[in-house]
Amino acid sequence: MSDPRRSSPSVSRNREPILAVLRRVLPQRGRLLEIAAGTGEHGVFFAPAFPDVEWQPTDADPDTLASIAAWQEAEPAPNLRAPAVLDTTTRPWRYQKLDAVLCINMIHASPWEATVGLFEGAGEALVREGVLVTYGPYRVAGVHTAPSNAEFDQWLKGRDPRWGVRDLEVLQELAARCGFGDVERVPMPANNQVLIFEKS
């Protein structure tokens, strides 16, 4: 029988730097919703570091749930919930009164409507002072932060013209409309960034 677990090479490279930021910004207890959980590798790595946080992985693609569930079976954590389908553009979200929302590598690899749904949905679902944490490549003042990001942007648009590296300032404006304060930006390896938005 084949192993349903999918694997992303980038996870092994980025999980430690992302975890270092999460240890600083996530609550010690509460409820976290992981958006676009993908293969499921991030959840099984991060959740044990926050034993008092109920960790709920979701993805818009039902086909990914088997991989997420298989990773959970291989590396179980008592606070890690079974994966569920969630499309950010469909609201209200079934999860409310959240303390944190985590979204890794979705904003650039999905239509803009998914990002709008992410911020609007998180703005509705998070409690006051809850955090929305995103990770990926972003442009600053309309400029790519590295030539490799510009090449990646073209590759993304070649796969789907609705995809692409987004402007930090546009995300900040969207976040403000959805009830978030100023963004905190943390540089990451490979010209990526973690963005932290706190619900006002």
N, C-alpha and C. Protein backbone atom coordinates (compact mmCIF):
# COMPACT_ATOMS: atom_id res chain seq x y z
N MET A 1 0.85 -1.20 0.00
CA MET A 1 0.00 0.00 0.00
C MET A 1 0.88 1.25 0.00
N SER A 2 0.60 2.20 -0.87
CA SER A 2 1.43 3.39 -0.97
C SER A 2 1.19 4.32 0.22
N ASP A 3 2.21 5.07 0.56
CA ASP A 3 2.12 6.02 1.66
C ASP A 3 1.42 7.28 1.16
N PRO A 4 0.28 7.67 1.78
CA PRO A 4 -0.44 8.86 1.30
C PRO A 4 0.21 10.18 1.69
N ARG A 5 1.28 10.11 2.50
CA ARG A 5 1.91 11.35 2.93
C ARG A 5 2.63 12.02 1.77
N ARG A 6 2.28 13.29 1.53
CA ARG A 6 3.02 14.10 0.58
C ARG A 6 4.12 14.84 1.31
N SER A 7 5.12 15.26 0.56
CA SER A 7 6.25 15.96 1.18
C SER A 7 6.66 17.15 0.33
N SER A 8 6.94 18.26 1.01
CA SER A 8 7.42 19.46 0.34
C SER A 8 8.85 19.75 0.80
N PRO A 9 9.81 19.81 -0.12
CA PRO A 9 11.20 20.05 0.28
C PRO A 9 11.40 21.34 1.06
N SER A 10 10.55 22.34 0.80
CA SER A 10 10.74 23.63 1.47
C SER A 10 10.43 23.55 2.96
N VAL A 11 9.62 22.56 3.38
CA VAL A 11 9.24 22.49 4.79
C VAL A 11 10.46 22.27 5.68
N SER A 12 11.33 21.36 5.28
CA SER A 12 12.50 21.08 6.11
C SER A 12 13.43 22.29 6.20
N ARG A 13 13.36 23.18 5.20
CA ARG A 13 14.21 24.37 5.22
C ARG A 13 13.60 25.51 6.02
N ASN A 14 12.27 25.62 6.03
CA ASN A 14 11.67 26.81 6.65
C ASN A 14 11.03 26.58 8.01
N ARG A 15 10.84 25.32 8.41
CA ARG A 15 10.05 25.07 9.62
C ARG A 15 10.71 25.58 10.90
N GLU A 16 12.01 25.45 11.01
CA GLU A 16 12.70 25.92 12.22
C GLU A 16 12.65 27.45 12.34
N PRO A 17 12.97 28.22 11.28
CA PRO A 17 12.86 29.67 11.38
C PRO A 17 11.43 30.14 11.65
N ILE A 18 10.45 29.49 11.02
CA ILE A 18 9.06 29.87 11.28
C ILE A 18 8.69 29.57 12.73
N LEU A 19 9.09 28.40 13.23
CA LEU A 19 8.77 28.04 14.61
C LEU A 19 9.34 29.04 15.60
N ALA A 20 10.54 29.54 15.31
CA ALA A 20 11.15 30.53 16.22
C ALA A 20 10.27 31.77 16.34
N VAL A 21 9.66 32.19 15.23
CA VAL A 21 8.76 33.34 15.27
C VAL A 21 7.45 32.97 15.99
N LEU A 22 6.92 31.80 15.69
CA LEU A 22 5.67 31.38 16.32
C LEU A 22 5.80 31.30 17.84
N ARG A 23 6.93 30.84 18.32
CA ARG A 23 7.12 30.76 19.78
C ARG A 23 6.99 32.14 20.43
N ARG A 24 7.31 33.16 19.68
CA ARG A 24 7.24 34.53 20.22
C ARG A 24 5.86 35.14 20.10
N VAL A 25 5.13 34.83 19.03
CA VAL A 25 3.90 35.58 18.75
C VAL A 25 2.61 34.82 19.03
N LEU A 26 2.66 33.49 19.11
CA LEU A 26 1.44 32.74 19.36
C LEU A 26 1.11 32.72 20.84
N PRO A 27 -0.18 32.61 21.18
CA PRO A 27 -0.56 32.49 22.59
C PRO A 27 -0.11 31.14 23.15
N GLN A 28 0.04 31.07 24.46
CA GLN A 28 0.43 29.82 25.10
C GLN A 28 -0.72 28.82 25.15
N ARG A 29 -1.95 29.33 25.10
CA ARG A 29 -3.11 28.46 25.07
C ARG A 29 -4.19 29.12 24.23
N GLY A 30 -5.11 28.32 23.73
CA GLY A 30 -6.18 28.87 22.91
C GLY A 30 -6.46 28.00 21.70
N ARG A 31 -6.97 28.63 20.64
CA ARG A 31 -7.40 27.92 19.44
C ARG A 31 -6.74 28.54 18.21
N LEU A 32 -6.09 27.68 17.42
CA LEU A 32 -5.41 28.13 16.21
C LEU A 32 -5.99 27.42 15.00
N LEU A 33 -6.22 28.18 13.95
CA LEU A 33 -6.69 27.64 12.67
C LEU A 33 -5.56 27.75 11.66
N GLU A 34 -5.14 26.62 11.11
CA GLU A 34 -4.12 26.62 10.06
C GLU A 34 -4.82 26.58 8.71
N ILE A 35 -4.60 27.62 7.91
CA ILE A 35 -5.18 27.73 6.57
C ILE A 35 -4.18 27.19 5.55
N ALA A 36 -4.68 26.49 4.53
CA ALA A 36 -3.82 25.95 3.47
C ALA A 36 -2.72 25.08 4.07
N ALA A 37 -3.14 24.08 4.85
CA ALA A 37 -2.18 23.22 5.55
C ALA A 37 -1.38 22.33 4.61
N GLY A 38 -1.81 22.19 3.38
CA GLY A 38 -1.02 21.51 2.36
C GLY A 38 -0.72 20.05 2.67
N THR A 39 0.56 19.71 2.72
CA THR A 39 0.95 18.32 2.97
C THR A 39 0.63 17.87 4.39
N GLY A 40 0.56 18.82 5.32
CA GLY A 40 0.36 18.49 6.72
C GLY A 40 1.63 18.46 7.54
N GLU A 41 2.77 18.66 6.90
CA GLU A 41 4.06 18.57 7.59
C GLU A 41 4.27 19.68 8.61
N HIS A 42 3.82 20.89 8.28
CA HIS A 42 4.02 21.99 9.22
C HIS A 42 3.24 21.75 10.51
N GLY A 43 2.01 21.30 10.39
CA GLY A 43 1.19 21.10 11.58
C GLY A 43 1.78 20.11 12.56
N VAL A 44 2.26 18.96 12.05
CA VAL A 44 2.80 17.95 12.97
C VAL A 44 4.10 18.41 13.59
N PHE A 45 4.79 19.35 12.94
CA PHE A 45 6.04 19.87 13.52
C PHE A 45 5.76 20.97 14.53
N PHE A 46 4.81 21.86 14.23
CA PHE A 46 4.56 23.01 15.10
C PHE A 46 3.69 22.66 16.31
N ALA A 47 2.66 21.86 16.13
CA ALA A 47 1.66 21.64 17.20
C ALA A 47 2.27 21.15 18.51
N PRO A 48 3.23 20.21 18.50
CA PRO A 48 3.78 19.76 19.78
C PRO A 48 4.48 20.86 20.58
N ALA A 49 4.90 21.92 19.90
CA ALA A 49 5.55 23.03 20.61
C ALA A 49 4.55 23.89 21.37
N PHE A 50 3.25 23.68 21.11
CA PHE A 50 2.19 24.46 21.75
C PHE A 50 1.13 23.52 22.30
N PRO A 51 1.47 22.73 23.32
CA PRO A 51 0.57 21.67 23.79
C PRO A 51 -0.78 22.15 24.28
N ASP A 52 -0.89 23.42 24.68
CA ASP A 52 -2.16 23.95 25.18
C ASP A 52 -2.91 24.75 24.14
N VAL A 53 -2.47 24.66 22.89
CA VAL A 53 -3.16 25.31 21.78
C VAL A 53 -3.86 24.23 20.94
N GLU A 54 -5.16 24.36 20.78
CA GLU A 54 -5.91 23.44 19.92
C GLU A 54 -5.60 23.81 18.48
N TRP A 55 -4.96 22.89 17.74
CA TRP A 55 -4.44 23.17 16.40
C TRP A 55 -5.34 22.51 15.37
N GLN A 56 -6.02 23.33 14.56
CA GLN A 56 -6.96 22.82 13.56
C GLN A 56 -6.43 23.07 12.15
N PRO A 57 -5.94 22.04 11.46
CA PRO A 57 -5.49 22.21 10.08
C PRO A 57 -6.65 22.15 9.10
N THR A 58 -6.60 23.01 8.08
CA THR A 58 -7.61 23.01 7.03
C THR A 58 -6.94 23.25 5.68
N ASP A 59 -7.67 22.91 4.61
CA ASP A 59 -7.19 23.20 3.27
C ASP A 59 -8.40 23.28 2.35
N ALA A 60 -8.30 24.09 1.32
CA ALA A 60 -9.40 24.22 0.36
C ALA A 60 -9.49 23.01 -0.56
N ASP A 61 -8.39 22.26 -0.70
CA ASP A 61 -8.35 21.11 -1.61
C ASP A 61 -8.62 19.83 -0.83
N PRO A 62 -9.76 19.19 -1.05
CA PRO A 62 -10.06 17.96 -0.30
C PRO A 62 -9.02 16.86 -0.49
N ASP A 63 -8.32 16.88 -1.64
CA ASP A 63 -7.34 15.83 -1.91
C ASP A 63 -6.14 15.89 -0.97
N THR A 64 -5.92 17.03 -0.33
CA THR A 64 -4.78 17.13 0.58
C THR A 64 -5.07 16.52 1.95
N LEU A 65 -6.34 16.30 2.28
CA LEU A 65 -6.68 15.85 3.63
C LEU A 65 -6.08 14.49 3.96
N ALA A 66 -5.97 13.61 2.95
CA ALA A 66 -5.39 12.29 3.20
C ALA A 66 -3.94 12.39 3.63
N SER A 67 -3.19 13.31 3.00
CA SER A 67 -1.80 13.51 3.39
C SER A 67 -1.69 14.09 4.80
N ILE A 68 -2.53 15.08 5.10
CA ILE A 68 -2.50 15.69 6.43
C ILE A 68 -2.82 14.64 7.49
N ALA A 69 -3.86 13.84 7.25
CA ALA A 69 -4.25 12.81 8.21
C ALA A 69 -3.16 11.76 8.38
N ALA A 70 -2.49 11.40 7.29
CA ALA A 70 -1.43 10.39 7.37
C ALA A 70 -0.23 10.90 8.16
N TRP A 71 0.11 12.17 7.99
CA TRP A 71 1.19 12.74 8.80
C TRP A 71 0.81 12.75 10.28
N GLN A 72 -0.45 13.05 10.57
CA GLN A 72 -0.90 13.06 11.96
C GLN A 72 -0.84 11.66 12.57
N GLU A 73 -1.17 10.66 11.75
CA GLU A 73 -1.11 9.28 12.25
C GLU A 73 0.33 8.87 12.52
N ALA A 74 1.25 9.32 11.66
CA ALA A 74 2.66 8.95 11.81
C ALA A 74 3.32 9.72 12.95
N GLU A 75 2.90 10.97 13.16
CA GLU A 75 3.50 11.81 14.19
C GLU A 75 2.39 12.47 15.01
N PRO A 76 1.69 11.69 15.83
CA PRO A 76 0.51 12.22 16.53
C PRO A 76 0.86 13.24 17.61
N ALA A 77 -0.06 14.16 17.82
CA ALA A 77 0.03 15.14 18.91
C ALA A 77 -1.38 15.29 19.47
N PRO A 78 -1.54 15.25 20.79
CA PRO A 78 -2.89 15.27 21.36
C PRO A 78 -3.69 16.53 21.07
N ASN A 79 -3.01 17.63 20.76
CA ASN A 79 -3.72 18.89 20.49
C ASN A 79 -3.99 19.13 19.01
N LEU A 80 -3.62 18.16 18.17
CA LEU A 80 -3.77 18.31 16.73
C LEU A 80 -5.09 17.68 16.29
N ARG A 81 -5.98 18.50 15.73
CA ARG A 81 -7.30 18.04 15.33
C ARG A 81 -7.28 17.45 13.91
N ALA A 82 -8.29 16.66 13.62
CA ALA A 82 -8.40 16.07 12.28
C ALA A 82 -8.56 17.17 11.24
N PRO A 83 -7.96 17.00 10.05
CA PRO A 83 -8.04 18.05 9.03
C PRO A 83 -9.45 18.20 8.48
N ALA A 84 -9.75 19.42 8.02
CA ALA A 84 -11.07 19.72 7.47
C ALA A 84 -10.93 20.62 6.25
N VAL A 85 -11.92 20.59 5.39
CA VAL A 85 -11.93 21.46 4.22
C VAL A 85 -12.39 22.85 4.63
N LEU A 86 -11.66 23.86 4.21
CA LEU A 86 -12.06 25.25 4.41
C LEU A 86 -11.59 26.09 3.24
N ASP A 87 -12.53 26.73 2.58
CA ASP A 87 -12.24 27.68 1.50
C ASP A 87 -12.37 29.07 2.11
N THR A 88 -11.31 29.85 2.06
CA THR A 88 -11.34 31.16 2.72
C THR A 88 -12.40 32.08 2.15
N THR A 89 -12.82 31.86 0.91
CA THR A 89 -13.78 32.76 0.29
C THR A 89 -15.22 32.45 0.69
N THR A 90 -15.45 31.33 1.35
CA THR A 90 -16.79 30.94 1.78
C THR A 90 -16.95 31.27 3.26
N ARG A 91 -17.88 32.16 3.56
CA ARG A 91 -18.06 32.58 4.94
C ARG A 91 -19.54 32.60 5.30
N PRO A 92 -19.83 32.59 6.62
CA PRO A 92 -18.83 32.65 7.70
C PRO A 92 -18.07 31.33 7.83
N TRP A 93 -16.82 31.45 8.31
CA TRP A 93 -16.05 30.25 8.58
C TRP A 93 -16.73 29.46 9.70
N ARG A 94 -16.58 28.16 9.65
CA ARG A 94 -17.17 27.31 10.70
C ARG A 94 -16.42 27.44 12.02
N TYR A 95 -15.23 28.02 11.99
CA TYR A 95 -14.42 28.20 13.20
C TYR A 95 -14.44 29.67 13.60
N GLN A 96 -14.81 29.93 14.84
CA GLN A 96 -14.91 31.30 15.33
C GLN A 96 -14.23 31.39 16.71
N LYS A 97 -14.10 32.62 17.20
CA LYS A 97 -13.46 32.88 18.49
C LYS A 97 -12.07 32.25 18.56
N LEU A 98 -11.31 32.50 17.51
CA LEU A 98 -9.95 31.97 17.39
C LEU A 98 -8.96 32.92 18.04
N ASP A 99 -7.86 32.35 18.52
CA ASP A 99 -6.78 33.15 19.08
C ASP A 99 -5.67 33.39 18.06
N ALA A 100 -5.61 32.55 17.02
CA ALA A 100 -4.58 32.71 16.00
C ALA A 100 -5.01 32.03 14.71
N VAL A 101 -4.56 32.61 13.60
CA VAL A 101 -4.73 32.02 12.27
C VAL A 101 -3.35 32.00 11.63
N LEU A 102 -2.97 30.85 11.10
CA LEU A 102 -1.66 30.68 10.46
C LEU A 102 -1.86 30.28 9.01
N CYS A 103 -1.17 30.97 8.10
CA CYS A 103 -1.30 30.70 6.67
C CYS A 103 0.08 30.75 6.03
N ILE A 104 0.57 29.60 5.60
CA ILE A 104 1.92 29.49 5.03
C ILE A 104 1.82 29.18 3.53
N ASN A 105 2.48 30.02 2.73
CA ASN A 105 2.63 29.77 1.29
C ASN A 105 1.32 29.63 0.53
N MET A 106 0.31 30.41 0.92
CA MET A 106 -0.93 30.41 0.16
C MET A 106 -1.12 31.69 -0.64
N ILE A 107 -0.74 32.83 -0.07
CA ILE A 107 -1.10 34.12 -0.65
C ILE A 107 -0.58 34.26 -2.08
N HIS A 108 0.62 33.79 -2.35
CA HIS A 108 1.19 33.93 -3.69
C HIS A 108 0.74 32.81 -4.64
N ALA A 109 0.24 31.71 -4.09
CA ALA A 109 -0.11 30.54 -4.91
C ALA A 109 -1.61 30.29 -4.93
N SER A 110 -2.37 31.37 -5.04
CA SER A 110 -3.82 31.28 -5.09
C SER A 110 -4.35 32.57 -5.70
N PRO A 111 -5.59 32.58 -6.17
CA PRO A 111 -6.17 33.82 -6.68
C PRO A 111 -6.28 34.87 -5.59
N TRP A 112 -6.30 36.14 -5.99
CA TRP A 112 -6.38 37.24 -5.02
C TRP A 112 -7.61 37.11 -4.13
N GLU A 113 -8.69 36.56 -4.66
CA GLU A 113 -9.91 36.41 -3.87
C GLU A 113 -9.68 35.56 -2.63
N ALA A 114 -8.77 34.59 -2.71
CA ALA A 114 -8.48 33.75 -1.55
C ALA A 114 -7.80 34.57 -0.45
N THR A 115 -6.95 35.51 -0.83
CA THR A 115 -6.29 36.37 0.15
C THR A 115 -7.28 37.33 0.78
N VAL A 116 -8.16 37.90 -0.03
CA VAL A 116 -9.21 38.76 0.53
C VAL A 116 -10.05 37.96 1.52
N GLY A 117 -10.40 36.75 1.15
CA GLY A 117 -11.17 35.89 2.05
C GLY A 117 -10.41 35.56 3.32
N LEU A 118 -9.10 35.38 3.20
CA LEU A 118 -8.28 35.10 4.38
C LEU A 118 -8.35 36.24 5.38
N PHE A 119 -8.14 37.46 4.93
CA PHE A 119 -8.12 38.60 5.84
C PHE A 119 -9.52 38.92 6.37
N GLU A 120 -10.52 38.85 5.49
CA GLU A 120 -11.87 39.13 5.96
C GLU A 120 -12.35 38.06 6.94
N GLY A 121 -12.08 36.80 6.60
CA GLY A 121 -12.49 35.71 7.48
C GLY A 121 -11.77 35.74 8.82
N ALA A 122 -10.46 36.00 8.78
CA ALA A 122 -9.69 36.08 10.02
C ALA A 122 -10.15 37.27 10.86
N GLY A 123 -10.46 38.39 10.18
CA GLY A 123 -10.95 39.56 10.90
C GLY A 123 -12.23 39.28 11.65
N GLU A 124 -13.08 38.43 11.07
CA GLU A 124 -14.34 38.06 11.72
C GLU A 124 -14.14 37.01 12.81
N ALA A 125 -13.21 36.08 12.60
CA ALA A 125 -13.09 34.90 13.47
C ALA A 125 -12.17 35.10 14.67
N LEU A 126 -11.20 36.01 14.56
CA LEU A 126 -10.23 36.19 15.64
C LEU A 126 -10.81 37.02 16.78
N VAL A 127 -10.42 36.67 17.98
CA VAL A 127 -10.75 37.49 19.14
C VAL A 127 -9.86 38.73 19.12
N ARG A 128 -10.20 39.73 19.92
CA ARG A 128 -9.39 40.94 20.00
C ARG A 128 -7.98 40.58 20.46
N GLU A 129 -6.98 41.13 19.80
CA GLU A 129 -5.57 40.87 20.02
C GLU A 129 -5.14 39.49 19.53
N GLY A 130 -6.05 38.80 18.83
CA GLY A 130 -5.64 37.58 18.15
C GLY A 130 -4.73 37.92 16.98
N VAL A 131 -3.97 36.94 16.51
CA VAL A 131 -2.97 37.22 15.47
C VAL A 131 -3.22 36.40 14.21
N LEU A 132 -2.99 37.05 13.08
CA LEU A 132 -2.93 36.40 11.78
C LEU A 132 -1.47 36.39 11.37
N VAL A 133 -0.93 35.20 11.14
CA VAL A 133 0.48 35.04 10.78
C VAL A 133 0.55 34.43 9.39
N THR A 134 1.24 35.11 8.47
CA THR A 134 1.42 34.58 7.12
C THR A 134 2.90 34.45 6.81
N TYR A 135 3.20 33.57 5.85
CA TYR A 135 4.59 33.33 5.45
C TYR A 135 4.64 33.20 3.94
N GLY A 136 5.68 33.79 3.35
CA GLY A 136 5.89 33.64 1.92
C GLY A 136 6.73 34.79 1.39
N PRO A 137 6.86 34.89 0.06
CA PRO A 137 7.56 36.02 -0.55
C PRO A 137 6.60 37.18 -0.74
N TYR A 138 7.10 38.41 -0.57
CA TYR A 138 6.28 39.61 -0.76
C TYR A 138 7.11 40.68 -1.43
N ARG A 139 6.46 41.52 -2.23
CA ARG A 139 7.14 42.70 -2.78
C ARG A 139 6.99 43.84 -1.78
N VAL A 140 7.99 44.71 -1.76
CA VAL A 140 7.97 45.88 -0.89
C VAL A 140 8.05 47.12 -1.77
N ALA A 141 7.06 48.01 -1.63
CA ALA A 141 6.97 49.21 -2.46
C ALA A 141 6.97 48.84 -3.94
N GLY A 142 6.33 47.72 -4.26
CA GLY A 142 6.21 47.28 -5.64
C GLY A 142 7.44 46.63 -6.22
N VAL A 143 8.46 46.39 -5.39
CA VAL A 143 9.74 45.85 -5.88
C VAL A 143 10.01 44.51 -5.21
N HIS A 144 10.45 43.55 -6.01
CA HIS A 144 10.84 42.26 -5.45
C HIS A 144 12.07 42.42 -4.57
N THR A 145 12.14 41.65 -3.51
CA THR A 145 13.26 41.76 -2.57
C THR A 145 14.50 41.00 -3.04
N ALA A 146 14.37 40.22 -4.12
CA ALA A 146 15.52 39.49 -4.68
C ALA A 146 15.21 39.07 -6.10
N PRO A 147 16.20 38.94 -6.96
CA PRO A 147 15.96 38.48 -8.34
C PRO A 147 15.26 37.12 -8.38
N SER A 148 15.59 36.25 -7.42
CA SER A 148 14.96 34.92 -7.41
C SER A 148 13.45 35.03 -7.18
N ASN A 149 13.02 36.03 -6.41
CA ASN A 149 11.59 36.22 -6.21
C ASN A 149 10.90 36.70 -7.47
N ALA A 150 11.59 37.54 -8.24
CA ALA A 150 11.03 37.99 -9.52
C ALA A 150 10.87 36.81 -10.47
N GLU A 151 11.86 35.93 -10.50
CA GLU A 151 11.77 34.73 -11.34
C GLU A 151 10.64 33.82 -10.86
N PHE A 152 10.52 33.68 -9.54
CA PHE A 152 9.46 32.86 -8.96
C PHE A 152 8.09 33.43 -9.31
N ASP A 153 7.98 34.75 -9.28
CA ASP A 153 6.73 35.42 -9.61
C ASP A 153 6.32 35.09 -11.04
N GLN A 154 7.26 35.13 -11.97
CA GLN A 154 6.96 34.80 -13.36
C GLN A 154 6.56 33.34 -13.51
N TRP A 155 7.22 32.47 -12.77
CA TRP A 155 6.88 31.05 -12.80
C TRP A 155 5.47 30.81 -12.29
N LEU A 156 5.11 31.50 -11.20
CA LEU A 156 3.76 31.38 -10.65
C LEU A 156 2.71 31.82 -11.66
N LYS A 157 2.94 32.98 -12.27
CA LYS A 157 1.99 33.50 -13.27
C LYS A 157 1.89 32.59 -14.49
N GLY A 158 2.99 31.89 -14.78
CA GLY A 158 2.95 30.92 -15.87
C GLY A 158 2.06 29.74 -15.55
N ARG A 159 2.01 29.36 -14.30
CA ARG A 159 1.13 28.28 -13.88
C ARG A 159 -0.33 28.71 -13.84
N ASP A 160 -0.54 29.94 -13.33
CA ASP A 160 -1.89 30.48 -13.24
C ASP A 160 -1.78 32.00 -13.19
N PRO A 161 -2.31 32.70 -14.19
CA PRO A 161 -2.16 34.16 -14.23
C PRO A 161 -2.79 34.87 -13.04
N ARG A 162 -3.63 34.18 -12.27
CA ARG A 162 -4.25 34.78 -11.08
C ARG A 162 -3.33 34.72 -9.87
N TRP A 163 -2.23 34.00 -9.98
CA TRP A 163 -1.28 33.86 -8.87
C TRP A 163 -0.22 34.93 -8.98
N GLY A 164 0.64 35.04 -7.96
CA GLY A 164 1.76 35.96 -8.03
C GLY A 164 2.15 36.50 -6.67
N VAL A 165 3.37 36.99 -6.57
CA VAL A 165 3.89 37.59 -5.34
C VAL A 165 3.17 38.91 -5.10
N ARG A 166 2.61 39.09 -3.91
CA ARG A 166 1.77 40.25 -3.62
C ARG A 166 2.59 41.39 -2.99
N ASP A 167 2.04 42.59 -3.09
CA ASP A 167 2.67 43.77 -2.50
C ASP A 167 2.34 43.88 -1.02
N LEU A 168 3.36 44.09 -0.21
CA LEU A 168 3.17 44.24 1.22
C LEU A 168 2.20 45.37 1.54
N GLU A 169 2.32 46.49 0.84
CA GLU A 169 1.48 47.65 1.14
C GLU A 169 0.00 47.37 0.82
N VAL A 170 -0.26 46.59 -0.22
CA VAL A 170 -1.63 46.23 -0.56
C VAL A 170 -2.22 45.33 0.52
N LEU A 171 -1.40 44.39 1.01
CA LEU A 171 -1.85 43.53 2.11
C LEU A 171 -2.11 44.34 3.37
N GLN A 172 -1.27 45.33 3.63
CA GLN A 172 -1.47 46.17 4.81
C GLN A 172 -2.79 46.94 4.71
N GLU A 173 -3.09 47.46 3.53
CA GLU A 173 -4.36 48.17 3.34
C GLU A 173 -5.55 47.24 3.54
N LEU A 174 -5.45 46.04 2.99
CA LEU A 174 -6.51 45.05 3.16
C LEU A 174 -6.67 44.70 4.64
N ALA A 175 -5.55 44.50 5.33
CA ALA A 175 -5.59 44.16 6.74
C ALA A 175 -6.26 45.25 7.56
N ALA A 176 -5.94 46.50 7.26
CA ALA A 176 -6.53 47.62 8.00
C ALA A 176 -8.04 47.65 7.82
N ARG A 177 -8.51 47.37 6.60
CA ARG A 177 -9.95 47.34 6.36
C ARG A 177 -10.64 46.22 7.12
N CYS A 178 -9.88 45.20 7.47
CA CYS A 178 -10.45 44.03 8.15
C CYS A 178 -10.23 44.06 9.65
N GLY A 179 -9.76 45.19 10.17
CA GLY A 179 -9.67 45.34 11.62
C GLY A 179 -8.34 45.00 12.25
N PHE A 180 -7.27 44.97 11.43
CA PHE A 180 -5.93 44.67 11.96
C PHE A 180 -5.09 45.94 12.05
N GLY A 181 -4.15 45.92 13.00
CA GLY A 181 -3.23 47.04 13.16
C GLY A 181 -2.05 46.91 12.22
N ASP A 182 -0.99 47.66 12.50
CA ASP A 182 0.20 47.65 11.66
C ASP A 182 0.84 46.27 11.61
N VAL A 183 1.46 45.97 10.48
CA VAL A 183 2.09 44.67 10.29
C VAL A 183 3.49 44.66 10.91
N GLU A 184 3.86 43.53 11.50
CA GLU A 184 5.26 43.29 11.88
C GLU A 184 5.85 42.35 10.84
N ARG A 185 7.01 42.71 10.32
CA ARG A 185 7.63 41.94 9.24
C ARG A 185 8.92 41.33 9.74
N VAL A 186 9.08 40.01 9.56
CA VAL A 186 10.27 39.29 10.03
C VAL A 186 10.93 38.62 8.83
N PRO A 187 12.15 39.02 8.46
CA PRO A 187 12.84 38.38 7.34
C PRO A 187 13.11 36.91 7.62
N MET A 188 12.99 36.10 6.60
CA MET A 188 13.20 34.66 6.68
C MET A 188 14.22 34.25 5.62
N PRO A 189 14.76 33.03 5.75
CA PRO A 189 15.68 32.55 4.71
C PRO A 189 15.01 32.47 3.34
N ALA A 190 15.83 32.43 2.30
CA ALA A 190 15.37 32.28 0.91
C ALA A 190 14.45 33.42 0.48
N ASN A 191 14.69 34.62 1.04
CA ASN A 191 13.97 35.84 0.63
C ASN A 191 12.47 35.76 0.89
N ASN A 192 12.09 35.03 1.92
CA ASN A 192 10.71 35.00 2.37
C ASN A 192 10.56 35.88 3.60
N GLN A 193 9.31 36.07 4.03
CA GLN A 193 9.06 36.88 5.21
C GLN A 193 7.87 36.31 5.99
N VAL A 194 7.91 36.49 7.30
CA VAL A 194 6.73 36.24 8.11
C VAL A 194 6.08 37.59 8.39
N LEU A 195 4.78 37.67 8.17
CA LEU A 195 4.01 38.87 8.47
C LEU A 195 3.07 38.56 9.63
N ILE A 196 3.05 39.45 10.63
CA ILE A 196 2.22 39.26 11.81
C ILE A 196 1.25 40.44 11.91
N PHE A 197 -0.04 40.13 11.88
CA PHE A 197 -1.10 41.14 11.99
C PHE A 197 -1.87 40.87 13.27
N GLU A 198 -2.07 41.90 14.10
CA GLU A 198 -2.84 41.73 15.33
C GLU A 198 -4.21 42.36 15.18
N LYS A 199 -5.23 41.63 15.61
CA LYS A 199 -6.61 42.14 15.55
C LYS A 199 -6.78 43.26 16.55
N SER A 200 -7.29 44.38 16.07
CA SER A 200 -7.48 45.55 16.93
C SER A 200 -8.69 45.36 17.84
